[in-house]
All heavy atoms as atom14 arrays in JSON, in Angstrom:
{
  "sequence": "LIITILVYDNKWIVISLSALIIACMIIILFPPYKWEPELPVPDRRLW",
  "atom14_mask": [
    [1, 1, 1, 1, 1, 1, 1, 1, 0, 0, 0, 0, 0, 0],
    [1, 1, 1, 1, 1, 1, 1, 1, 0, 0, 0, 0, 0, 0],
    [1, 1, 1, 1, 1, 1, 1, 1, 0, 0, 0, 0, 0, 0],
    [1, 1, 1, 1, 1, 1, 1, 0, 0, 0, 0, 0, 0, 0],
    [1, 1, 1, 1, 1, 1, 1, 1, 0, 0, 0, 0, 0, 0],
    [1, 1, 1, 1, 1, 1, 1, 1, 0, 0, 0, 0, 0, 0],
    [1, 1, 1, 1, 1, 1, 1, 0, 0, 0, 0, 0, 0, 0],
    [1, 1, 1, 1, 1, 1, 1, 1, 1, 1, 1, 1, 0, 0],
    [1, 1, 1, 1, 1, 1, 1, 1, 0, 0, 0, 0, 0, 0],
    [1, 1, 1, 1, 1, 1, 1, 1, 0, 0, 0, 0, 0, 0],
    [1, 1, 1, 1, 1, 1, 1, 1, 1, 0, 0, 0, 0, 0],
    [1, 1, 1, 1, 1, 1, 1, 1, 1, 1, 1, 1, 1, 1],
    [1, 1, 1, 1, 1, 1, 1, 1, 0, 0, 0, 0, 0, 0],
    [1, 1, 1, 1, 1, 1, 1, 0, 0, 0, 0, 0, 0, 0],
    [1, 1, 1, 1, 1, 1, 1, 1, 0, 0, 0, 0, 0, 0],
    [1, 1, 1, 1, 1, 1, 0, 0, 0, 0, 0, 0, 0, 0],
    [1, 1, 1, 1, 1, 1, 1, 1, 0, 0, 0, 0, 0, 0],
    [1, 1, 1, 1, 1, 1, 0, 0, 0, 0, 0, 0, 0, 0],
    [1, 1, 1, 1, 1, 0, 0, 0, 0, 0, 0, 0, 0, 0],
    [1, 1, 1, 1, 1, 1, 1, 1, 0, 0, 0, 0, 0, 0],
    [1, 1, 1, 1, 1, 1, 1, 1, 0, 0, 0, 0, 0, 0],
    [1, 1, 1, 1, 1, 1, 1, 1, 0, 0, 0, 0, 0, 0],
    [1, 1, 1, 1, 1, 0, 0, 0, 0, 0, 0, 0, 0, 0],
    [1, 1, 1, 1, 1, 1, 0, 0, 0, 0, 0, 0, 0, 0],
    [1, 1, 1, 1, 1, 1, 1, 1, 0, 0, 0, 0, 0, 0],
    [1, 1, 1, 1, 1, 1, 1, 1, 0, 0, 0, 0, 0, 0],
    [1, 1, 1, 1, 1, 1, 1, 1, 0, 0, 0, 0, 0, 0],
    [1, 1, 1, 1, 1, 1, 1, 1, 0, 0, 0, 0, 0, 0],
    [1, 1, 1, 1, 1, 1, 1, 1, 0, 0, 0, 0, 0, 0],
    [1, 1, 1, 1, 1, 1, 1, 1, 1, 1, 1, 0, 0, 0],
    [1, 1, 1, 1, 1, 1, 1, 0, 0, 0, 0, 0, 0, 0],
    [1, 1, 1, 1, 1, 1, 1, 0, 0, 0, 0, 0, 0, 0],
    [1, 1, 1, 1, 1, 1, 1, 1, 1, 1, 1, 1, 0, 0],
    [1, 1, 1, 1, 1, 1, 1, 1, 1, 0, 0, 0, 0, 0],
    [1, 1, 1, 1, 1, 1, 1, 1, 1, 1, 1, 1, 1, 1],
    [1, 1, 1, 1, 1, 1, 1, 1, 1, 0, 0, 0, 0, 0],
    [1, 1, 1, 1, 1, 1, 1, 0, 0, 0, 0, 0, 0, 0],
    [1, 1, 1, 1, 1, 1, 1, 1, 1, 0, 0, 0, 0, 0],
    [1, 1, 1, 1, 1, 1, 1, 1, 0, 0, 0, 0, 0, 0],
    [1, 1, 1, 1, 1, 1, 1, 0, 0, 0, 0, 0, 0, 0],
    [1, 1, 1, 1, 1, 1, 1, 0, 0, 0, 0, 0, 0, 0],
    [1, 1, 1, 1, 1, 1, 1, 0, 0, 0, 0, 0, 0, 0],
    [1, 1, 1, 1, 1, 1, 1, 1, 0, 0, 0, 0, 0, 0],
    [1, 1, 1, 1, 1, 1, 1, 1, 1, 1, 1, 0, 0, 0],
    [1, 1, 1, 1, 1, 1, 1, 1, 1, 1, 1, 0, 0, 0],
    [1, 1, 1, 1, 1, 1, 1, 1, 0, 0, 0, 0, 0, 0],
    [1, 1, 1, 1, 1, 1, 1, 1, 1, 1, 1, 1, 1, 1]
  ],
  "atom14_positions": [
    [[50.78, -42.18, -7.76], [51.3, -43.04, -8.82], [51.84, -44.35, -8.24], [51.57, -45.44, -8.76], [52.4, -42.3, -9.58], [53.1, -43.08, -10.71], [52.11, -43.49, -11.77], [54.24, -42.26, -11.3], [0.0, 0.0, 0.0], [0.0, 0.0, 0.0], [0.0, 0.0, 0.0], [0.0, 0.0, 0.0], [0.0, 0.0, 0.0], [0.0, 0.0, 0.0]],
    [[52.58, -44.24, -7.14], [53.12, -45.44, -6.49], [51.99, -46.31, -5.95], [52.01, -47.55, -6.09], [54.1, -45.04, -5.37], [55.35, -44.41, -5.99], [54.46, -46.24, -4.5], [56.32, -43.85, -4.98], [0.0, 0.0, 0.0], [0.0, 0.0, 0.0], [0.0, 0.0, 0.0], [0.0, 0.0, 0.0], [0.0, 0.0, 0.0], [0.0, 0.0, 0.0]],
    [[50.99, -45.69, -5.32], [49.86, -46.45, -4.79], [49.13, -47.18, -5.91], [48.74, -48.35, -5.78], [48.89, -45.51, -4.04], [49.53, -45.05, -2.72], [47.55, -46.19, -3.76], [48.72, -44.03, -1.98], [0.0, 0.0, 0.0], [0.0, 0.0, 0.0], [0.0, 0.0, 0.0], [0.0, 0.0, 0.0], [0.0, 0.0, 0.0], [0.0, 0.0, 0.0]],
    [[48.94, -46.5, -7.04], [48.27, -47.12, -8.19], [49.0, -48.39, -8.63], [48.38, -49.43, -8.89], [48.2, -46.13, -9.36], [47.46, -44.97, -8.95], [47.53, -46.77, -10.57], [0.0, 0.0, 0.0], [0.0, 0.0, 0.0], [0.0, 0.0, 0.0], [0.0, 0.0, 0.0], [0.0, 0.0, 0.0], [0.0, 0.0, 0.0], [0.0, 0.0, 0.0]],
    [[50.32, -48.29, -8.7], [51.1, -49.46, -9.13], [51.03, -50.58, -8.08], [50.98, -51.77, -8.42], [52.57, -49.04, -9.37], [52.63, -48.04, -10.54], [53.45, -50.25, -9.67], [53.99, -47.41, -10.75], [0.0, 0.0, 0.0], [0.0, 0.0, 0.0], [0.0, 0.0, 0.0], [0.0, 0.0, 0.0], [0.0, 0.0, 0.0], [0.0, 0.0, 0.0]],
    [[50.98, -50.21, -6.8], [50.98, -51.22, -5.74], [49.66, -51.93, -5.56], [49.61, -53.12, -5.24], [51.4, -50.58, -4.41], [52.85, -50.11, -4.28], [53.08, -49.46, -2.92], [53.82, -51.26, -4.49], [0.0, 0.0, 0.0], [0.0, 0.0, 0.0], [0.0, 0.0, 0.0], [0.0, 0.0, 0.0], [0.0, 0.0, 0.0], [0.0, 0.0, 0.0]],
    [[48.53, -51.22, -5.76], [47.24, -51.8, -5.4], [46.48, -52.4, -6.58], [45.44, -53.05, -6.37], [46.33, -50.76, -4.7], [47.0, -50.23, -3.45], [45.96, -49.63, -5.64], [0.0, 0.0, 0.0], [0.0, 0.0, 0.0], [0.0, 0.0, 0.0], [0.0, 0.0, 0.0], [0.0, 0.0, 0.0], [0.0, 0.0, 0.0], [0.0, 0.0, 0.0]],
    [[46.95, -52.2, -7.8], [46.26, -52.76, -8.96], [47.14, -53.78, -9.67], [48.35, -53.57, -9.83], [45.86, -51.66, -9.95], [44.62, -50.89, -9.54], [44.69, -49.56, -9.19], [43.37, -51.52, -9.52], [43.55, -48.86, -8.81], [42.23, -50.82, -9.15], [42.32, -49.5, -8.78], [41.2, -48.82, -8.41], [0.0, 0.0, 0.0], [0.0, 0.0, 0.0]],
    [[46.52, -54.89, -10.1], [47.23, -55.9, -10.88], [46.91, -55.8, -12.37], [47.71, -56.23, -13.2], [46.84, -57.31, -10.37], [47.33, -57.55, -8.96], [48.45, -57.1, -8.64], [46.6, -58.18, -8.18], [0.0, 0.0, 0.0], [0.0, 0.0, 0.0], [0.0, 0.0, 0.0], [0.0, 0.0, 0.0], [0.0, 0.0, 0.0], [0.0, 0.0, 0.0]],
    [[45.74, -55.26, -12.7], [45.36, -55.13, -14.1], [46.25, -54.1, -14.8], [46.28, -52.92, -14.42], [43.88, -54.71, -14.19], [43.37, -54.74, -15.62], [43.88, -54.05, -16.49], [42.35, -55.55, -15.85], [0.0, 0.0, 0.0], [0.0, 0.0, 0.0], [0.0, 0.0, 0.0], [0.0, 0.0, 0.0], [0.0, 0.0, 0.0], [0.0, 0.0, 0.0]],
    [[46.98, -54.54, -15.8], [47.97, -53.66, -16.43], [47.32, -52.48, -17.14], [47.9, -51.38, -17.19], [48.84, -54.44, -17.4], [48.12, -55.01, -18.61], [49.08, -55.72, -19.54], [48.37, -56.26, -20.78], [49.31, -56.95, -21.7], [0.0, 0.0, 0.0], [0.0, 0.0, 0.0], [0.0, 0.0, 0.0], [0.0, 0.0, 0.0], [0.0, 0.0, 0.0]],
    [[46.1, -52.66, -17.67], [45.45, -51.56, -18.38], [44.98, -50.48, -17.42], [45.06, -49.29, -17.74], [44.29, -52.08, -19.23], [44.74, -53.02, -20.3], [44.49, -54.35, -20.41], [45.57, -52.68, -21.42], [45.1, -54.89, -21.51], [45.77, -53.87, -22.16], [46.17, -51.51, -21.88], [46.53, -53.91, -23.33], [46.93, -51.55, -23.03], [47.1, -52.73, -23.75]],
    [[44.53, -50.88, -16.25], [44.17, -49.89, -15.23], [45.41, -49.13, -14.77], [45.39, -47.9, -14.64], [43.48, -50.58, -14.02], [42.14, -51.18, -14.45], [43.28, -49.59, -12.88], [41.42, -51.91, -13.35], [0.0, 0.0, 0.0], [0.0, 0.0, 0.0], [0.0, 0.0, 0.0], [0.0, 0.0, 0.0], [0.0, 0.0, 0.0], [0.0, 0.0, 0.0]],
    [[46.5, -49.86, -14.55], [47.75, -49.22, -14.11], [48.25, -48.25, -15.18], [48.64, -47.11, -14.88], [48.81, -50.29, -13.79], [50.16, -49.63, -13.52], [48.39, -51.14, -12.61], [0.0, 0.0, 0.0], [0.0, 0.0, 0.0], [0.0, 0.0, 0.0], [0.0, 0.0, 0.0], [0.0, 0.0, 0.0], [0.0, 0.0, 0.0], [0.0, 0.0, 0.0]],
    [[48.24, -48.68, -16.44], [48.73, -47.82, -17.53], [47.87, -46.57, -17.67], [48.38, -45.45, -17.79], [48.78, -48.61, -18.86], [49.88, -49.68, -18.8], [49.02, -47.66, -20.04], [49.89, -50.62, -19.98], [0.0, 0.0, 0.0], [0.0, 0.0, 0.0], [0.0, 0.0, 0.0], [0.0, 0.0, 0.0], [0.0, 0.0, 0.0], [0.0, 0.0, 0.0]],
    [[46.54, -46.75, -17.62], [45.63, -45.62, -17.8], [45.77, -44.6, -16.69], [45.92, -43.39, -16.93], [44.19, -46.12, -17.87], [44.02, -47.03, -18.94], [0.0, 0.0, 0.0], [0.0, 0.0, 0.0], [0.0, 0.0, 0.0], [0.0, 0.0, 0.0], [0.0, 0.0, 0.0], [0.0, 0.0, 0.0], [0.0, 0.0, 0.0], [0.0, 0.0, 0.0]],
    [[45.74, -45.07, -15.43], [45.85, -44.14, -14.32], [47.24, -43.51, -14.25], [47.38, -42.32, -13.91], [45.54, -44.87, -13.0], [44.07, -45.3, -12.82], [43.92, -46.11, -11.53], [43.16, -44.08, -12.77], [0.0, 0.0, 0.0], [0.0, 0.0, 0.0], [0.0, 0.0, 0.0], [0.0, 0.0, 0.0], [0.0, 0.0, 0.0], [0.0, 0.0, 0.0]],
    [[48.28, -44.29, -14.57], [49.63, -43.74, -14.56], [49.78, -42.64, -15.61], [50.39, -41.59, -15.34], [50.65, -44.85, -14.82], [50.6, -45.83, -13.8], [0.0, 0.0, 0.0], [0.0, 0.0, 0.0], [0.0, 0.0, 0.0], [0.0, 0.0, 0.0], [0.0, 0.0, 0.0], [0.0, 0.0, 0.0], [0.0, 0.0, 0.0], [0.0, 0.0, 0.0]],
    [[49.23, -42.86, -16.79], [49.29, -41.84, -17.85], [48.56, -40.57, -17.41], [49.03, -39.45, -17.66], [48.69, -42.39, -19.14], [0.0, 0.0, 0.0], [0.0, 0.0, 0.0], [0.0, 0.0, 0.0], [0.0, 0.0, 0.0], [0.0, 0.0, 0.0], [0.0, 0.0, 0.0], [0.0, 0.0, 0.0], [0.0, 0.0, 0.0], [0.0, 0.0, 0.0]],
    [[47.39, -40.74, -16.74], [46.64, -39.59, -16.27], [47.43, -38.81, -15.21], [47.48, -37.57, -15.24], [45.3, -40.07, -15.7], [44.4, -38.99, -15.07], [44.03, -37.94, -16.12], [43.16, -39.63, -14.46], [0.0, 0.0, 0.0], [0.0, 0.0, 0.0], [0.0, 0.0, 0.0], [0.0, 0.0, 0.0], [0.0, 0.0, 0.0], [0.0, 0.0, 0.0]],
    [[48.05, -39.53, -14.29], [48.82, -38.87, -13.22], [50.02, -38.12, -13.81], [50.31, -36.98, -13.43], [49.27, -39.91, -12.18], [48.06, -40.49, -11.45], [50.25, -39.29, -11.17], [48.37, -41.69, -10.58], [0.0, 0.0, 0.0], [0.0, 0.0, 0.0], [0.0, 0.0, 0.0], [0.0, 0.0, 0.0], [0.0, 0.0, 0.0], [0.0, 0.0, 0.0]],
    [[50.73, -38.76, -14.73], [51.9, -38.11, -15.36], [51.47, -36.85, -16.11], [52.15, -35.81, -16.06], [52.62, -39.11, -16.29], [53.26, -40.23, -15.45], [53.68, -38.4, -17.13], [53.82, -41.36, -16.28], [0.0, 0.0, 0.0], [0.0, 0.0, 0.0], [0.0, 0.0, 0.0], [0.0, 0.0, 0.0], [0.0, 0.0, 0.0], [0.0, 0.0, 0.0]],
    [[50.33, -36.93, -16.81], [49.82, -35.75, -17.53], [49.51, -34.61, -16.56], [49.82, -33.44, -16.84], [48.58, -36.14, -18.34], [0.0, 0.0, 0.0], [0.0, 0.0, 0.0], [0.0, 0.0, 0.0], [0.0, 0.0, 0.0], [0.0, 0.0, 0.0], [0.0, 0.0, 0.0], [0.0, 0.0, 0.0], [0.0, 0.0, 0.0], [0.0, 0.0, 0.0]],
    [[48.91, -34.95, -15.43], [48.6, -33.92, -14.43], [49.87, -33.31, -13.85], [49.94, -32.09, -13.61], [47.74, -34.51, -13.32], [46.07, -34.97, -13.84], [0.0, 0.0, 0.0], [0.0, 0.0, 0.0], [0.0, 0.0, 0.0], [0.0, 0.0, 0.0], [0.0, 0.0, 0.0], [0.0, 0.0, 0.0], [0.0, 0.0, 0.0], [0.0, 0.0, 0.0]],
    [[50.91, -34.13, -13.63], [52.17, -33.6, -13.11], [52.82, -32.66, -14.13], [53.39, -31.62, -13.76], [53.11, -34.77, -12.78], [52.67, -35.61, -11.6], [53.78, -37.02, -11.27], [55.26, -36.14, -10.76], [0.0, 0.0, 0.0], [0.0, 0.0, 0.0], [0.0, 0.0, 0.0], [0.0, 0.0, 0.0], [0.0, 0.0, 0.0], [0.0, 0.0, 0.0]],
    [[52.73, -33.0, -15.41], [53.29, -32.13, -16.45], [52.57, -30.8, -16.49], [53.18, -29.73, -16.66], [53.23, -32.85, -17.82], [54.2, -34.04, -17.82], [53.57, -31.88, -18.96], [54.11, -34.91, -19.06], [0.0, 0.0, 0.0], [0.0, 0.0, 0.0], [0.0, 0.0, 0.0], [0.0, 0.0, 0.0], [0.0, 0.0, 0.0], [0.0, 0.0, 0.0]],
    [[51.23, -30.84, -16.34], [50.45, -29.6, -16.34], [50.87, -28.7, -15.19], [50.95, -27.47, -15.33], [48.94, -29.93, -16.26], [48.47, -30.58, -17.56], [48.12, -28.67, -15.96], [47.04, -31.06, -17.51], [0.0, 0.0, 0.0], [0.0, 0.0, 0.0], [0.0, 0.0, 0.0], [0.0, 0.0, 0.0], [0.0, 0.0, 0.0], [0.0, 0.0, 0.0]],
    [[51.15, -29.32, -14.02], [51.57, -28.52, -12.87], [52.98, -27.96, -13.08], [53.25, -26.78, -12.81], [51.53, -29.36, -11.58], [50.09, -29.78, -11.26], [52.12, -28.6, -10.4], [49.97, -30.75, -10.1], [0.0, 0.0, 0.0], [0.0, 0.0, 0.0], [0.0, 0.0, 0.0], [0.0, 0.0, 0.0], [0.0, 0.0, 0.0], [0.0, 0.0, 0.0]],
    [[53.9, -28.8, -13.56], [55.29, -28.38, -13.7], [55.5, -27.47, -14.92], [56.32, -26.54, -14.87], [56.2, -29.6, -13.8], [56.27, -30.49, -12.55], [57.04, -31.76, -12.84], [56.92, -29.73, -11.4], [0.0, 0.0, 0.0], [0.0, 0.0, 0.0], [0.0, 0.0, 0.0], [0.0, 0.0, 0.0], [0.0, 0.0, 0.0], [0.0, 0.0, 0.0]],
    [[54.76, -27.72, -16.0], [54.91, -26.93, -17.23], [53.53, -26.47, -17.69], [52.98, -26.96, -18.68], [55.58, -27.78, -18.33], [56.86, -28.41, -17.88], [56.9, -29.76, -17.52], [58.03, -27.67, -17.8], [58.09, -30.35, -17.11], [59.22, -28.25, -17.39], [59.25, -29.6, -17.04], [0.0, 0.0, 0.0], [0.0, 0.0, 0.0], [0.0, 0.0, 0.0]],
    [[52.93, -25.53, -16.94], [51.57, -25.1, -17.27], [51.52, -24.35, -18.6], [52.49, -23.7, -18.99], [51.22, -24.16, -16.1], [52.53, -23.66, -15.61], [53.51, -24.77, -15.82], [0.0, 0.0, 0.0], [0.0, 0.0, 0.0], [0.0, 0.0, 0.0], [0.0, 0.0, 0.0], [0.0, 0.0, 0.0], [0.0, 0.0, 0.0], [0.0, 0.0, 0.0]],
    [[50.38, -24.46, -19.32], [50.24, -23.74, -20.59], [50.29, -22.22, -20.4], [50.66, -21.49, -21.3], [48.89, -24.2, -21.12], [48.17, -24.74, -19.93], [49.22, -25.28, -19.02], [0.0, 0.0, 0.0], [0.0, 0.0, 0.0], [0.0, 0.0, 0.0], [0.0, 0.0, 0.0], [0.0, 0.0, 0.0], [0.0, 0.0, 0.0], [0.0, 0.0, 0.0]],
    [[49.89, -21.77, -19.24], [50.06, -20.35, -18.9], [50.32, -20.28, -17.39], [49.93, -21.15, -16.64], [48.83, -19.52, -19.29], [47.56, -19.9, -18.58], [47.19, -19.3, -17.37], [46.71, -20.88, -19.11], [46.04, -19.67, -16.73], [45.55, -21.24, -18.47], [45.21, -20.63, -17.27], [44.06, -20.99, -16.63], [0.0, 0.0, 0.0], [0.0, 0.0, 0.0]],
    [[51.0, -19.24, -16.99], [51.43, -19.12, -15.6], [50.32, -18.5, -14.76], [49.86, -17.39, -15.04], [52.7, -18.25, -15.5], [53.38, -18.27, -14.15], [54.04, -19.62, -13.88], [54.87, -19.59, -12.59], [55.5, -20.87, -12.28], [0.0, 0.0, 0.0], [0.0, 0.0, 0.0], [0.0, 0.0, 0.0], [0.0, 0.0, 0.0], [0.0, 0.0, 0.0]],
    [[49.9, -19.22, -13.75], [48.87, -18.71, -12.84], [49.53, -18.31, -11.54], [50.19, -19.1, -10.88], [47.82, -19.78, -12.59], [46.78, -19.35, -11.58], [46.85, -19.44, -10.23], [45.54, -18.74, -11.85], [45.75, -18.95, -9.64], [44.88, -18.5, -10.62], [44.88, -18.37, -13.04], [43.64, -17.9, -10.53], [43.62, -17.8, -12.94], [43.01, -17.56, -11.69]],
    [[49.36, -17.04, -11.19], [49.94, -16.54, -9.95], [48.84, -16.26, -8.94], [47.98, -15.41, -9.18], [50.73, -15.26, -10.2], [51.98, -15.45, -11.05], [53.02, -16.31, -10.37], [52.96, -16.46, -9.11], [53.87, -16.88, -11.07], [0.0, 0.0, 0.0], [0.0, 0.0, 0.0], [0.0, 0.0, 0.0], [0.0, 0.0, 0.0], [0.0, 0.0, 0.0]],
    [[48.82, -16.97, -7.83], [47.77, -16.74, -6.82], [47.96, -15.4, -6.12], [49.08, -14.89, -6.01], [47.95, -17.9, -5.86], [49.38, -18.29, -5.99], [49.75, -18.04, -7.43], [0.0, 0.0, 0.0], [0.0, 0.0, 0.0], [0.0, 0.0, 0.0], [0.0, 0.0, 0.0], [0.0, 0.0, 0.0], [0.0, 0.0, 0.0], [0.0, 0.0, 0.0]],
    [[46.84, -14.83, -5.67], [46.93, -13.57, -4.93], [47.68, -13.74, -3.62], [48.44, -12.87, -3.2], [45.51, -13.03, -4.66], [44.75, -12.63, -5.91], [43.39, -12.07, -5.57], [43.08, -11.93, -4.36], [42.62, -11.79, -6.51], [0.0, 0.0, 0.0], [0.0, 0.0, 0.0], [0.0, 0.0, 0.0], [0.0, 0.0, 0.0], [0.0, 0.0, 0.0]],
    [[47.42, -14.89, -2.96], [48.11, -15.18, -1.7], [48.88, -16.49, -1.87], [48.35, -17.58, -1.63], [47.12, -15.3, -0.55], [46.33, -14.03, -0.2], [45.23, -14.34, 0.81], [47.28, -12.96, 0.38], [0.0, 0.0, 0.0], [0.0, 0.0, 0.0], [0.0, 0.0, 0.0], [0.0, 0.0, 0.0], [0.0, 0.0, 0.0], [0.0, 0.0, 0.0]],
    [[50.11, -16.43, -2.35], [50.87, -17.67, -2.58], [51.17, -18.4, -1.26], [51.21, -17.79, -0.19], [52.15, -17.17, -3.24], [52.28, -15.76, -2.81], [50.88, -15.23, -2.67], [0.0, 0.0, 0.0], [0.0, 0.0, 0.0], [0.0, 0.0, 0.0], [0.0, 0.0, 0.0], [0.0, 0.0, 0.0], [0.0, 0.0, 0.0], [0.0, 0.0, 0.0]],
    [[51.4, -19.69, -1.39], [51.74, -20.51, -0.22], [53.17, -20.21, 0.18], [54.07, -20.12, -0.68], [51.57, -22.0, -0.56], [52.08, -22.88, 0.58], [50.12, -22.31, -0.86], [0.0, 0.0, 0.0], [0.0, 0.0, 0.0], [0.0, 0.0, 0.0], [0.0, 0.0, 0.0], [0.0, 0.0, 0.0], [0.0, 0.0, 0.0], [0.0, 0.0, 0.0]],
    [[53.47, -20.04, 1.47], [54.83, -19.76, 1.92], [55.8, -20.89, 1.53], [55.4, -22.04, 1.39], [54.7, -19.64, 3.44], [53.26, -19.38, 3.69], [52.5, -20.04, 2.6], [0.0, 0.0, 0.0], [0.0, 0.0, 0.0], [0.0, 0.0, 0.0], [0.0, 0.0, 0.0], [0.0, 0.0, 0.0], [0.0, 0.0, 0.0], [0.0, 0.0, 0.0]],
    [[57.07, -20.51, 1.37], [58.07, -21.5, 0.98], [58.18, -22.63, 1.99], [58.39, -23.79, 1.62], [59.44, -20.81, 0.81], [59.5, -19.95, -0.44], [58.63, -20.13, -1.32], [60.4, -19.11, -0.53], [0.0, 0.0, 0.0], [0.0, 0.0, 0.0], [0.0, 0.0, 0.0], [0.0, 0.0, 0.0], [0.0, 0.0, 0.0], [0.0, 0.0, 0.0]],
    [[58.05, -22.28, 3.28], [58.17, -23.34, 4.3], [57.05, -24.38, 4.17], [57.23, -25.55, 4.48], [58.18, -22.74, 5.71], [56.95, -21.97, 6.1], [57.08, -21.44, 7.53], [55.92, -20.67, 7.93], [55.76, -19.38, 7.7], [56.71, -18.71, 7.02], [54.68, -18.74, 8.11], [0.0, 0.0, 0.0], [0.0, 0.0, 0.0], [0.0, 0.0, 0.0]],
    [[55.85, -23.95, 3.7], [54.75, -24.89, 3.45], [55.12, -25.8, 2.28], [54.85, -27.0, 2.3], [53.47, -24.12, 3.14], [52.25, -25.0, 2.84], [51.49, -25.35, 4.1], [50.99, -24.16, 4.72], [49.84, -23.55, 4.37], [49.1, -24.05, 3.4], [49.44, -22.47, 5.0], [0.0, 0.0, 0.0], [0.0, 0.0, 0.0], [0.0, 0.0, 0.0]],
    [[55.71, -25.18, 1.25], [56.15, -25.96, 0.09], [57.17, -27.01, 0.5], [57.08, -28.18, 0.12], [56.73, -25.02, -0.96], [57.37, -25.68, -2.19], [56.35, -26.52, -2.96], [58.01, -24.63, -3.09], [0.0, 0.0, 0.0], [0.0, 0.0, 0.0], [0.0, 0.0, 0.0], [0.0, 0.0, 0.0], [0.0, 0.0, 0.0], [0.0, 0.0, 0.0]],
    [[58.16, -26.6, 1.31], [59.17, -27.55, 1.76], [58.54, -28.67, 2.6], [58.91, -29.83, 2.49], [60.23, -26.82, 2.58], [60.96, -25.74, 1.83], [61.08, -25.62, 0.47], [61.65, -24.63, 2.4], [61.81, -24.5, 0.16], [62.19, -23.86, 1.31], [61.89, -24.17, 3.71], [62.92, -22.7, 1.51], [62.63, -23.02, 3.89], [63.14, -22.28, 2.8]]
  ]
}
């Protein structure tokens, strides 16, 4: 998101890509259903 804002001057490109990125972040943080992987990533990898 930060790179998009830094490298583009066209406001419509920035708005469109920013909206797409925010939507993807919402899907990850508030998924429509909870997906639990068989082998989750360790907490230290997350950190």
